[in-house]
Amino acid sequence: MNEEKKIAGIYIRVSTEDQVRDGFSLPEQEKRLRAMCEYKNYEVYKVYKDAGISAKTGNHRPAFEELLEDIKNKKCNTIVVLKLDRLTRSVYDMEHIIKFLDENDAYLD
C-alpha cells in the first residue's frame, strides 16, 4: 500500500438550484469534504469551486482546470469530490481523468 501523504484538492460544483435545495450546495459539499479529509488525515491544499457549470463534455470549468494544473505541478495529489457526478457526467471524460491521474501519480477519493 502506498503511504504517500495525501494532499487534497477539494472539488465542489453545482449546476442547478435543484442541487442546492437537495443538499448539494457549495458550502454543504465543502463542509462534508473537509470533514472527510480530516477523518482520513489528508492535508487540504485548496478548495476548487465551479458554481453554475454543468459537468457535460466540452463545458469549460475554470476551477477544475486549475485543479488539474495544480496536480501536474505537484501542489496536490488527490482529488476529493462528494460524488462522481460532481467531477463529470461523461464516461469518456472519466476515462481521461483516470488516465491523467495515473500519469501524474495522483488519486481520486
PDB file of N, CA and C in Angstrom:
ATOM      1  N   MET A   1       0.845  -1.191   0.000  1.00  0.00           N
ATOM      2  CA  MET A   1       0.000   0.000   0.000  1.00  0.00           C
ATOM      3  C   MET A   1       0.885   1.249   0.000  1.00  0.00           C
ATOM      4  N   ASN A   2       0.504   2.240  -0.770  1.00  0.00           N
ATOM      5  CA  ASN A   2       1.265   3.479  -0.874  1.00  0.00           C
ATOM      6  C   ASN A   2       1.007   4.348   0.352  1.00  0.00           C
ATOM      7  N   GLU A   3       2.075   4.716   1.043  1.00  0.00           N
ATOM      8  CA  GLU A   3       1.955   5.512   2.268  1.00  0.00           C
ATOM      9  C   GLU A   3       2.201   6.996   2.021  1.00  0.00           C
ATOM     10  N   GLU A   4       2.230   7.423   0.763  1.00  0.00           N
ATOM     11  CA  GLU A   4       2.452   8.824   0.435  1.00  0.00           C
ATOM     12  C   GLU A   4       1.370   9.702   1.071  1.00  0.00           C
ATOM     13  N   LYS A   5       1.793  10.817   1.629  1.00  0.00           N
ATOM     14  CA  LYS A   5       0.856  11.770   2.240  1.00  0.00           C
ATOM     15  C   LYS A   5      -0.114  12.275   1.179  1.00  0.00           C
ATOM     16  N   LYS A   6      -1.392  12.201   1.473  1.00  0.00           N
ATOM     17  CA  LYS A   6      -2.416  12.680   0.546  1.00  0.00           C
ATOM     18  C   LYS A   6      -2.603  14.185   0.761  1.00  0.00           C
ATOM     19  N   ILE A   7      -2.384  14.937  -0.304  1.00  0.00           N
ATOM     20  CA  ILE A   7      -2.598  16.380  -0.298  1.00  0.00           C
ATOM     21  C   ILE A   7      -3.780  16.630  -1.221  1.00  0.00           C
ATOM     22  N   ALA A   8      -4.884  17.061  -0.629  1.00  0.00           N
ATOM     23  CA  ALA A   8      -6.161  17.088  -1.327  1.00  0.00           C
ATOM     24  C   ALA A   8      -6.472  18.416  -1.990  1.00  0.00           C
ATOM     25  N   GLY A   9      -6.973  18.291  -3.193  1.00  0.00           N
ATOM     26  CA  GLY A   9      -7.667  19.378  -3.854  1.00  0.00           C
ATOM     27  C   GLY A   9      -9.136  19.032  -3.771  1.00  0.00           C
ATOM     28  N   ILE A  10      -9.873  19.781  -2.990  1.00  0.00           N
ATOM     29  CA  ILE A  10     -11.307  19.529  -2.833  1.00  0.00           C
ATOM     30  C   ILE A  10     -12.011  20.186  -4.015  1.00  0.00           C
ATOM     31  N   TYR A  11     -12.782  19.390  -4.781  1.00  0.00           N
ATOM     32  CA  TYR A  11     -13.511  19.934  -5.926  1.00  0.00           C
ATOM     33  C   TYR A  11     -15.001  19.915  -5.637  1.00  0.00           C
ATOM     34  N   ILE A  12     -15.613  21.100  -5.702  1.00  0.00           N
ATOM     35  CA  ILE A  12     -17.054  21.217  -5.474  1.00  0.00           C
ATOM     36  C   ILE A  12     -17.680  21.935  -6.664  1.00  0.00           C
ATOM     37  N   ARG A  13     -18.919  21.503  -6.991  1.00  0.00           N
ATOM     38  CA  ARG A  13     -19.596  22.069  -8.144  1.00  0.00           C
ATOM     39  C   ARG A  13     -21.093  21.902  -7.982  1.00  0.00           C
ATOM     40  N   VAL A  14     -21.830  22.908  -8.412  1.00  0.00           N
ATOM     41  CA  VAL A  14     -23.278  22.799  -8.598  1.00  0.00           C
ATOM     42  C   VAL A  14     -23.605  23.411  -9.949  1.00  0.00           C
ATOM     43  N   SER A  15     -24.647  22.857 -10.570  1.00  0.00           N
ATOM     44  CA  SER A  15     -25.055  23.413 -11.855  1.00  0.00           C
ATOM     45  C   SER A  15     -26.483  23.922 -11.835  1.00  0.00           C
ATOM     46  N   THR A  16     -27.277  23.519 -10.829  1.00  0.00           N
ATOM     47  CA  THR A  16     -28.688  23.931 -10.790  1.00  0.00           C
ATOM     48  C   THR A  16     -29.113  24.305  -9.376  1.00  0.00           C
ATOM     49  N   GLU A  17     -30.188  25.081  -9.294  1.00  0.00           N
ATOM     50  CA  GLU A  17     -30.771  25.420  -7.995  1.00  0.00           C
ATOM     51  C   GLU A  17     -31.345  24.175  -7.307  1.00  0.00           C
ATOM     52  N   ASP A  18     -31.805  23.190  -8.095  1.00  0.00           N
ATOM     53  CA  ASP A  18     -32.321  21.955  -7.504  1.00  0.00           C
ATOM     54  C   ASP A  18     -31.247  21.252  -6.686  1.00  0.00           C
ATOM     55  N   GLN A  19     -30.027  21.261  -7.164  1.00  0.00           N
ATOM     56  CA  GLN A  19     -28.939  20.624  -6.428  1.00  0.00           C
ATOM     57  C   GLN A  19     -28.704  21.328  -5.101  1.00  0.00           C
ATOM     58  N   VAL A  20     -28.821  22.639  -5.088  1.00  0.00           N
ATOM     59  CA  VAL A  20     -28.659  23.394  -3.847  1.00  0.00           C
ATOM     60  C   VAL A  20     -29.735  22.988  -2.858  1.00  0.00           C
ATOM     61  N   ARG A  21     -30.986  22.907  -3.322  1.00  0.00           N
ATOM     62  CA  ARG A  21     -32.096  22.521  -2.445  1.00  0.00           C
ATOM     63  C   ARG A  21     -31.968  21.090  -1.950  1.00  0.00           C
ATOM     64  N   ASP A  22     -31.339  20.219  -2.732  1.00  0.00           N
ATOM     65  CA  ASP A  22     -31.204  18.813  -2.363  1.00  0.00           C
ATOM     66  C   ASP A  22     -29.998  18.533  -1.475  1.00  0.00           C
ATOM     67  N   GLY A  23     -29.357  19.587  -0.956  1.00  0.00           N
ATOM     68  CA  GLY A  23     -28.254  19.394  -0.023  1.00  0.00           C
ATOM     69  C   GLY A  23     -26.883  19.338  -0.661  1.00  0.00           C
ATOM     70  N   PHE A  24     -26.792  19.788  -1.891  1.00  0.00           N
ATOM     71  CA  PHE A  24     -25.505  19.774  -2.574  1.00  0.00           C
ATOM     72  C   PHE A  24     -24.973  21.184  -2.800  1.00  0.00           C
ATOM     73  N   SER A  25     -25.349  22.128  -1.939  1.00  0.00           N
ATOM     74  CA  SER A  25     -24.837  23.492  -2.081  1.00  0.00           C
ATOM     75  C   SER A  25     -23.318  23.463  -1.935  1.00  0.00           C
ATOM     76  N   LEU A  26     -22.675  24.486  -2.472  1.00  0.00           N
ATOM     77  CA  LEU A  26     -21.219  24.551  -2.360  1.00  0.00           C
ATOM     78  C   LEU A  26     -20.751  24.503  -0.912  1.00  0.00           C
ATOM     79  N   PRO A  27     -21.353  25.306  -0.003  1.00  0.00           N
ATOM     80  CA  PRO A  27     -20.904  25.235   1.398  1.00  0.00           C
ATOM     81  C   PRO A  27     -21.128  23.856   2.028  1.00  0.00           C
ATOM     82  N   GLU A  28     -22.237  23.190   1.684  1.00  0.00           N
ATOM     83  CA  GLU A  28     -22.507  21.863   2.242  1.00  0.00           C
ATOM     84  C   GLU A  28     -21.482  20.846   1.730  1.00  0.00           C
ATOM     85  N   GLN A  29     -21.176  20.892   0.429  1.00  0.00           N
ATOM     86  CA  GLN A  29     -20.163  19.988  -0.117  1.00  0.00           C
ATOM     87  C   GLN A  29     -18.811  20.232   0.555  1.00  0.00           C
ATOM     88  N   GLU A  30     -18.432  21.501   0.678  1.00  0.00           N
ATOM     89  CA  GLU A  30     -17.141  21.815   1.285  1.00  0.00           C
ATOM     90  C   GLU A  30     -17.073  21.316   2.726  1.00  0.00           C
ATOM     91  N   LYS A  31     -18.130  21.537   3.480  1.00  0.00           N
ATOM     92  CA  LYS A  31     -18.163  21.099   4.882  1.00  0.00           C
ATOM     93  C   LYS A  31     -17.975  19.583   4.980  1.00  0.00           C
ATOM     94  N   ARG A  32     -18.712  18.838   4.171  1.00  0.00           N
ATOM     95  CA  ARG A  32     -18.620  17.380   4.199  1.00  0.00           C
ATOM     96  C   ARG A  32     -17.224  16.895   3.795  1.00  0.00           C
ATOM     97  N   LEU A  33     -16.677  17.514   2.749  1.00  0.00           N
ATOM     98  CA  LEU A  33     -15.388  17.053   2.242  1.00  0.00           C
ATOM     99  C   LEU A  33     -14.238  17.436   3.166  1.00  0.00           C
ATOM    100  N   ARG A  34     -14.327  18.588   3.802  1.00  0.00           N
ATOM    101  CA  ARG A  34     -13.298  18.940   4.786  1.00  0.00           C
ATOM    102  C   ARG A  34     -13.324  17.952   5.954  1.00  0.00           C
ATOM    103  N   ALA A  35     -14.520  17.573   6.380  1.00  0.00           N
ATOM    104  CA  ALA A  35     -14.644  16.598   7.472  1.00  0.00           C
ATOM    105  C   ALA A  35     -14.049  15.254   7.060  1.00  0.00           C
ATOM    106  N   MET A  36     -14.309  14.842   5.832  1.00  0.00           N
ATOM    107  CA  MET A  36     -13.751  13.584   5.356  1.00  0.00           C
ATOM    108  C   MET A  36     -12.228  13.653   5.311  1.00  0.00           C
ATOM    109  N   CYS A  37     -11.689  14.764   4.820  1.00  0.00           N
ATOM    110  CA  CYS A  37     -10.234  14.920   4.754  1.00  0.00           C
ATOM    111  C   CYS A  37      -9.616  14.882   6.145  1.00  0.00           C
ATOM    112  N   GLU A  38     -10.278  15.520   7.087  1.00  0.00           N
ATOM    113  CA  GLU A  38      -9.773  15.492   8.464  1.00  0.00           C
ATOM    114  C   GLU A  38      -9.790  14.057   9.000  1.00  0.00           C
ATOM    115  N   TYR A  39     -10.883  13.349   8.746  1.00  0.00           N
ATOM    116  CA  TYR A  39     -11.010  11.962   9.201  1.00  0.00           C
ATOM    117  C   TYR A  39      -9.919  11.083   8.601  1.00  0.00           C
ATOM    118  N   LYS A  40      -9.611  11.291   7.327  1.00  0.00           N
ATOM    119  CA  LYS A  40      -8.620  10.462   6.634  1.00  0.00           C
ATOM    120  C   LYS A  40      -7.199  11.004   6.759  1.00  0.00           C
ATOM    121  N   ASN A  41      -7.061  12.096   7.503  1.00  0.00           N
ATOM    122  CA  ASN A  41      -5.752  12.711   7.722  1.00  0.00           C
ATOM    123  C   ASN A  41      -5.124  13.222   6.420  1.00  0.00           C
ATOM    124  N   TYR A  42      -5.962  13.758   5.520  1.00  0.00           N
ATOM    125  CA  TYR A  42      -5.479  14.381   4.301  1.00  0.00           C
ATOM    126  C   TYR A  42      -5.204  15.847   4.591  1.00  0.00           C
ATOM    127  N   GLU A  43      -4.143  16.354   4.043  1.00  0.00           N
ATOM    128  CA  GLU A  43      -3.881  17.800   4.092  1.00  0.00           C
ATOM    129  C   GLU A  43      -4.699  18.435   2.967  1.00  0.00           C
ATOM    130  N   VAL A  44      -5.435  19.502   3.266  1.00  0.00           N
ATOM    131  CA  VAL A  44      -6.205  20.200   2.233  1.00  0.00           C
ATOM    132  C   VAL A  44      -5.337  21.313   1.660  1.00  0.00           C
ATOM    133  N   TYR A  45      -5.038  21.194   0.381  1.00  0.00           N
ATOM    134  CA  TYR A  45      -4.258  22.227  -0.302  1.00  0.00           C
ATOM    135  C   TYR A  45      -5.148  23.410  -0.665  1.00  0.00           C
ATOM    136  N   LYS A  46      -6.310  23.121  -1.273  1.00  0.00           N
ATOM    137  CA  LYS A  46      -7.170  24.190  -1.769  1.00  0.00           C
ATOM    138  C   LYS A  46      -8.552  23.630  -2.077  1.00  0.00           C
ATOM    139  N   VAL A  47      -9.558  24.510  -2.027  1.00  0.00           N
ATOM    140  CA  VAL A  47     -10.913  24.161  -2.449  1.00  0.00           C
ATOM    141  C   VAL A  47     -11.149  24.817  -3.802  1.00  0.00           C
ATOM    142  N   TYR A  48     -11.554  24.013  -4.768  1.00  0.00           N
ATOM    143  CA  TYR A  48     -11.797  24.470  -6.138  1.00  0.00           C
ATOM    144  C   TYR A  48     -13.308  24.473  -6.363  1.00  0.00           C
ATOM    145  N   LYS A  49     -13.866  25.628  -6.741  1.00  0.00           N
ATOM    146  CA  LYS A  49     -15.318  25.781  -6.856  1.00  0.00           C
ATOM    147  C   LYS A  49     -15.715  26.190  -8.269  1.00  0.00           C
ATOM    148  N   ASP A  50     -16.619  25.406  -8.859  1.00  0.00           N
ATOM    149  CA  ASP A  50     -17.252  25.768 -10.121  1.00  0.00           C
ATOM    150  C   ASP A  50     -18.751  25.846  -9.848  1.00  0.00           C
ATOM    151  N   ALA A  51     -19.281  27.049  -9.794  1.00  0.00           N
ATOM    152  CA  ALA A  51     -20.703  27.252  -9.498  1.00  0.00           C
ATOM    153  C   ALA A  51     -21.467  27.512 -10.791  1.00  0.00           C
ATOM    154  N   GLY A  52     -22.584  26.823 -10.942  1.00  0.00           N
ATOM    155  CA  GLY A  52     -23.448  27.051 -12.082  1.00  0.00           C
ATOM    156  C   GLY A  52     -22.913  26.510 -13.392  1.00  0.00           C
ATOM    157  N   ILE A  53     -22.020  25.531 -13.328  1.00  0.00           N
ATOM    158  CA  ILE A  53     -21.424  24.971 -14.545  1.00  0.00           C
ATOM    159  C   ILE A  53     -21.701  23.475 -14.585  1.00  0.00           C
ATOM    160  N   SER A  54     -22.283  23.029 -15.685  1.00  0.00           N
ATOM    161  CA  SER A  54     -22.547  21.609 -15.877  1.00  0.00           C
ATOM    162  C   SER A  54     -21.241  20.863 -16.113  1.00  0.00           C
ATOM    163  N   ALA A  55     -21.236  19.576 -15.780  1.00  0.00           N
ATOM    164  CA  ALA A  55     -20.057  18.739 -15.998  1.00  0.00           C
ATOM    165  C   ALA A  55     -20.154  17.971 -17.318  1.00  0.00           C
ATOM    166  N   LYS A  56     -21.020  18.436 -18.202  1.00  0.00           N
ATOM    167  CA  LYS A  56     -21.137  17.777 -19.504  1.00  0.00           C
ATOM    168  C   LYS A  56     -19.855  17.975 -20.305  1.00  0.00           C
ATOM    169  N   THR A  57     -19.583  17.026 -21.172  1.00  0.00           N
ATOM    170  CA  THR A  57     -18.391  17.079 -22.021  1.00  0.00           C
ATOM    171  C   THR A  57     -18.348  18.394 -22.787  1.00  0.00           C
ATOM    172  N   GLY A  58     -17.191  19.008 -22.780  1.00  0.00           N
ATOM    173  CA  GLY A  58     -16.988  20.226 -23.549  1.00  0.00           C
ATOM    174  C   GLY A  58     -17.197  21.521 -22.788  1.00  0.00           C
ATOM    175  N   ASN A  59     -17.816  21.461 -21.623  1.00  0.00           N
ATOM    176  CA  ASN A  59     -18.003  22.679 -20.832  1.00  0.00           C
ATOM    177  C   ASN A  59     -16.684  23.069 -20.171  1.00  0.00           C
ATOM    178  N   HIS A  60     -16.371  24.348 -20.238  1.00  0.00           N
ATOM    179  CA  HIS A  60     -15.149  24.853 -19.599  1.00  0.00           C
ATOM    180  C   HIS A  60     -15.424  25.086 -18.123  1.00  0.00           C
ATOM    181  N   ARG A  61     -14.638  24.442 -17.283  1.00  0.00           N
ATOM    182  CA  ARG A  61     -14.763  24.587 -15.832  1.00  0.00           C
ATOM    183  C   ARG A  61     -13.432  25.117 -15.310  1.00  0.00           C
ATOM    184  N   PRO A  62     -13.336  26.431 -15.107  1.00  0.00           N
ATOM    185  CA  PRO A  62     -12.062  27.050 -14.728  1.00  0.00           C
ATOM    186  C   PRO A  62     -11.425  26.452 -13.472  1.00  0.00           C
ATOM    187  N   ALA A  63     -12.204  26.212 -12.437  1.00  0.00           N
ATOM    188  CA  ALA A  63     -11.633  25.680 -11.195  1.00  0.00           C
ATOM    189  C   ALA A  63     -11.126  24.256 -11.395  1.00  0.00           C
ATOM    190  N   PHE A  64     -11.851  23.460 -12.165  1.00  0.00           N
ATOM    191  CA  PHE A  64     -11.408  22.092 -12.425  1.00  0.00           C
ATOM    192  C   PHE A  64     -10.107  22.091 -13.222  1.00  0.00           C
ATOM    193  N   GLU A  65     -10.011  22.967 -14.209  1.00  0.00           N
ATOM    194  CA  GLU A  65      -8.770  23.080 -14.994  1.00  0.00           C
ATOM    195  C   GLU A  65      -7.603  23.515 -14.098  1.00  0.00           C
ATOM    196  N   GLU A  66      -7.869  24.422 -13.172  1.00  0.00           N
ATOM    197  CA  GLU A  66      -6.834  24.853 -12.226  1.00  0.00           C
ATOM    198  C   GLU A  66      -6.394  23.682 -11.343  1.00  0.00           C
ATOM    199  N   LEU A  67      -7.337  22.877 -10.894  1.00  0.00           N
ATOM    200  CA  LEU A  67      -7.017  21.700 -10.084  1.00  0.00           C
ATOM    201  C   LEU A  67      -6.111  20.742 -10.856  1.00  0.00           C
ATOM    202  N   LEU A  68      -6.437  20.477 -12.109  1.00  0.00           N
ATOM    203  CA  LEU A  68      -5.600  19.585 -12.915  1.00  0.00           C
ATOM    204  C   LEU A  68      -4.197  20.156 -13.089  1.00  0.00           C
ATOM    205  N   GLU A  69      -4.112  21.461 -13.282  1.00  0.00           N
ATOM    206  CA  GLU A  69      -2.797  22.101 -13.423  1.00  0.00           C
ATOM    207  C   GLU A  69      -2.004  21.994 -12.121  1.00  0.00           C
ATOM    208  N   ASP A  70      -2.682  22.157 -10.983  1.00  0.00           N
ATOM    209  CA  ASP A  70      -2.001  22.030  -9.694  1.00  0.00           C
ATOM    210  C   ASP A  70      -1.509  20.602  -9.457  1.00  0.00           C
ATOM    211  N   ILE A  71      -2.246  19.615  -9.951  1.00  0.00           N
ATOM    212  CA  ILE A  71      -1.772  18.231  -9.851  1.00  0.00           C
ATOM    213  C   ILE A  71      -0.531  18.052 -10.707  1.00  0.00           C
ATOM    214  N   LYS A  72      -0.556  18.575 -11.927  1.00  0.00           N
ATOM    215  CA  LYS A  72       0.624  18.490 -12.802  1.00  0.00           C
ATOM    216  C   LYS A  72       1.844  19.112 -12.140  1.00  0.00           C
ATOM    217  N   ASN A  73       1.619  20.215 -11.435  1.00  0.00           N
ATOM    218  CA  ASN A  73       2.717  20.938 -10.784  1.00  0.00           C
ATOM    219  C   ASN A  73       3.027  20.427  -9.383  1.00  0.00           C
ATOM    220  N   LYS A  74       2.433  19.279  -9.022  1.00  0.00           N
ATOM    221  CA  LYS A  74       2.716  18.586  -7.749  1.00  0.00           C
ATOM    222  C   LYS A  74       2.344  19.399  -6.505  1.00  0.00           C
ATOM    223  N   LYS A  75       1.349  20.279  -6.633  1.00  0.00           N
ATOM    224  CA  LYS A  75       0.873  21.035  -5.467  1.00  0.00           C
ATOM    225  C   LYS A  75      -0.099  20.198  -4.643  1.00  0.00           C
ATOM    226  N   CYS A  76      -0.791  19.293  -5.299  1.00  0.00           N
ATOM    227  CA  CYS A  76      -1.668  18.350  -4.606  1.00  0.00           C
ATOM    228  C   CYS A  76      -1.629  17.038  -5.379  1.00  0.00           C
ATOM    229  N   ASN A  77      -2.088  15.958  -4.732  1.00  0.00           N
ATOM    230  CA  ASN A  77      -2.013  14.648  -5.373  1.00  0.00           C
ATOM    231  C   ASN A  77      -3.297  13.838  -5.253  1.00  0.00           C
ATOM    232  N   THR A  78      -4.345  14.463  -4.767  1.00  0.00           N
ATOM    233  CA  THR A  78      -5.602  13.750  -4.574  1.00  0.00           C
ATOM    234  C   THR A  78      -6.775  14.689  -4.868  1.00  0.00           C
ATOM    235  N   ILE A  79      -7.705  14.223  -5.689  1.00  0.00           N
ATOM    236  CA  ILE A  79      -8.956  14.953  -5.901  1.00  0.00           C
ATOM    237  C   ILE A  79      -9.978  14.355  -4.954  1.00  0.00           C
ATOM    238  N   VAL A  80     -10.585  15.205  -4.144  1.00  0.00           N
ATOM    239  CA  VAL A  80     -11.631  14.767  -3.231  1.00  0.00           C
ATOM    240  C   VAL A  80     -12.931  15.407  -3.700  1.00  0.00           C
ATOM    241  N   VAL A  81     -13.925  14.557  -3.943  1.00  0.00           N
ATOM    242  CA  VAL A  81     -15.191  15.009  -4.504  1.00  0.00           C
ATOM    243  C   VAL A  81     -16.317  14.259  -3.805  1.00  0.00           C
ATOM    244  N   LEU A  82     -17.461  14.925  -3.625  1.00  0.00           N
ATOM    245  CA  LEU A  82     -18.583  14.321  -2.903  1.00  0.00           C
ATOM    246  C   LEU A  82     -19.178  13.139  -3.668  1.00  0.00           C
ATOM    247  N   LYS A  83     -19.426  13.337  -4.954  1.00  0.00           N
ATOM    248  CA  LYS A  83     -19.991  12.298  -5.807  1.00  0.00           C
ATOM    249  C   LYS A  83     -19.312  12.396  -7.167  1.00  0.00           C
ATOM    250  N   LEU A  84     -19.219  11.276  -7.869  1.00  0.00           N
ATOM    251  CA  LEU A  84     -18.571  11.302  -9.176  1.00  0.00           C
ATOM    252  C   LEU A  84     -19.245  12.262 -10.146  1.00  0.00           C
ATOM    253  N   ASP A  85     -20.555  12.450 -10.026  1.00  0.00           N
ATOM    254  CA  ASP A  85     -21.220  13.357 -10.969  1.00  0.00           C
ATOM    255  C   ASP A  85     -20.849  14.823 -10.722  1.00  0.00           C
ATOM    256  N   ARG A  86     -20.201  15.128  -9.599  1.00  0.00           N
ATOM    257  CA  ARG A  86     -19.670  16.477  -9.393  1.00  0.00           C
ATOM    258  C   ARG A  86     -18.426  16.657 -10.272  1.00  0.00           C
ATOM    259  N   LEU A  87     -17.727  15.549 -10.525  1.00  0.00           N
ATOM    260  CA  LEU A  87     -16.499  15.583 -11.311  1.00  0.00           C
ATOM    261  C   LEU A  87     -16.798  15.568 -12.807  1.00  0.00           C
ATOM    262  N   THR A  88     -17.641  14.641 -13.227  1.00  0.00           N
ATOM    263  CA  THR A  88     -18.032  14.550 -14.634  1.00  0.00           C
ATOM    264  C   THR A  88     -19.295  13.721 -14.763  1.00  0.00           C
ATOM    265  N   ARG A  89     -20.002  13.948 -15.855  1.00  0.00           N
ATOM    266  CA  ARG A  89     -21.188  13.158 -16.157  1.00  0.00           C
ATOM    267  C   ARG A  89     -20.947  12.310 -17.401  1.00  0.00           C
ATOM    268  N   SER A  90     -19.699  12.226 -17.831  1.00  0.00           N
ATOM    269  CA  SER A  90     -19.355  11.544 -19.070  1.00  0.00           C
ATOM    270  C   SER A  90     -18.368  10.408 -18.806  1.00  0.00           C
ATOM    271  N   VAL A  91     -18.691   9.219 -19.301  1.00  0.00           N
ATOM    272  CA  VAL A  91     -17.768   8.090 -19.179  1.00  0.00           C
ATOM    273  C   VAL A  91     -16.479   8.409 -19.936  1.00  0.00           C
ATOM    274  N   TYR A  92     -16.611   9.033 -21.088  1.00  0.00           N
ATOM    275  CA  TYR A  92     -15.448   9.418 -21.890  1.00  0.00           C
ATOM    276  C   TYR A  92     -14.522  10.324 -21.082  1.00  0.00           C
ATOM    277  N   ASP A  93     -15.079  11.363 -20.466  1.00  0.00           N
ATOM    278  CA  ASP A  93     -14.266  12.273 -19.654  1.00  0.00           C
ATOM    279  C   ASP A  93     -13.654  11.550 -18.458  1.00  0.00           C
ATOM    280  N   MET A  94     -14.415  10.652 -17.833  1.00  0.00           N
ATOM    281  CA  MET A  94     -13.903   9.932 -16.666  1.00  0.00           C
ATOM    282  C   MET A  94     -12.693   9.088 -17.054  1.00  0.00           C
ATOM    283  N   GLU A  95     -12.726   8.475 -18.221  1.00  0.00           N
ATOM    284  CA  GLU A  95     -11.577   7.698 -18.678  1.00  0.00           C
ATOM    285  C   GLU A  95     -10.340   8.585 -18.793  1.00  0.00           C
ATOM    286  N   HIS A  96     -10.527   9.793 -19.318  1.00  0.00           N
ATOM    287  CA  HIS A  96      -9.399  10.717 -19.454  1.00  0.00           C
ATOM    288  C   HIS A  96      -8.904  11.219 -18.097  1.00  0.00           C
ATOM    289  N   ILE A  97      -9.815  11.453 -17.178  1.00  0.00           N
ATOM    290  CA  ILE A  97      -9.429  11.890 -15.837  1.00  0.00           C
ATOM    291  C   ILE A  97      -8.620  10.797 -15.144  1.00  0.00           C
ATOM    292  N   ILE A  98      -9.090   9.563 -15.245  1.00  0.00           N
ATOM    293  CA  ILE A  98      -8.368   8.450 -14.621  1.00  0.00           C
ATOM    294  C   ILE A  98      -6.985   8.298 -15.232  1.00  0.00           C
ATOM    295  N   LYS A  99      -6.885   8.396 -16.542  1.00  0.00           N
ATOM    296  CA  LYS A  99      -5.585   8.314 -17.209  1.00  0.00           C
ATOM    297  C   LYS A  99      -4.670   9.449 -16.748  1.00  0.00           C
ATOM    298  N   PHE A 100      -5.216  10.670 -16.664  1.00  0.00           N
ATOM    299  CA  PHE A 100      -4.447  11.819 -16.198  1.00  0.00           C
ATOM    300  C   PHE A 100      -3.929  11.576 -14.783  1.00  0.00           C
ATOM    301  N   LEU A 101      -4.785  11.101 -13.890  1.00  0.00           N
ATOM    302  CA  LEU A 101      -4.376  10.837 -12.512  1.00  0.00           C
ATOM    303  C   LEU A 101      -3.271   9.782 -12.471  1.00  0.00           C
ATOM    304  N   ASP A 102      -3.436   8.724 -13.248  1.00  0.00           N
ATOM    305  CA  ASP A 102      -2.425   7.673 -13.288  1.00  0.00           C
ATOM    306  C   ASP A 102      -1.081   8.217 -13.779  1.00  0.00           C
ATOM    307  N   GLU A 103      -1.101   9.025 -14.818  1.00  0.00           N
ATOM    308  CA  GLU A 103       0.130   9.592 -15.371  1.00  0.00           C
ATOM    309  C   GLU A 103       0.816  10.558 -14.412  1.00  0.00           C
ATOM    310  N   ASN A 104       0.043  11.134 -13.493  1.00  0.00           N
ATOM    311  CA  ASN A 104       0.582  12.125 -12.560  1.00  0.00           C
ATOM    312  C   ASN A 104       0.678  11.598 -11.130  1.00  0.00           C
ATOM    313  N   ASP A 105       0.603  10.268 -10.978  1.00  0.00           N
ATOM    314  CA  ASP A 105       0.693   9.643  -9.657  1.00  0.00           C
ATOM    315  C   ASP A 105      -0.253  10.303  -8.657  1.00  0.00           C
ATOM    316  N   ALA A 106      -1.481  10.509  -9.089  1.00  0.00           N
ATOM    317  CA  ALA A 106      -2.487  11.161  -8.246  1.00  0.00           C
ATOM    318  C   ALA A 106      -3.668  10.221  -8.031  1.00  0.00           C
ATOM    319  N   TYR A 107      -4.555  10.624  -7.133  1.00  0.00           N
ATOM    320  CA  TYR A 107      -5.639   9.770  -6.669  1.00  0.00           C
ATOM    321  C   TYR A 107      -6.976  10.488  -6.752  1.00  0.00           C
ATOM    322  N   LEU A 108      -8.034   9.675  -6.700  1.00  0.00           N
ATOM    323  CA  LEU A 108      -9.403  10.192  -6.634  1.00  0.00           C
ATOM    324  C   LEU A 108     -10.053   9.573  -5.417  1.00  0.00           C
ATOM    325  N   ASP A 109     -10.635  10.408  -4.590  1.00  0.00           N
ATOM    326  CA  ASP A 109     -11.292   9.909  -3.377  1.00  0.00           C
ATOM    327  C   ASP A 109     -12.647  10.565  -3.242  1.00  0.00           C
TER     328      ASP A 109
END
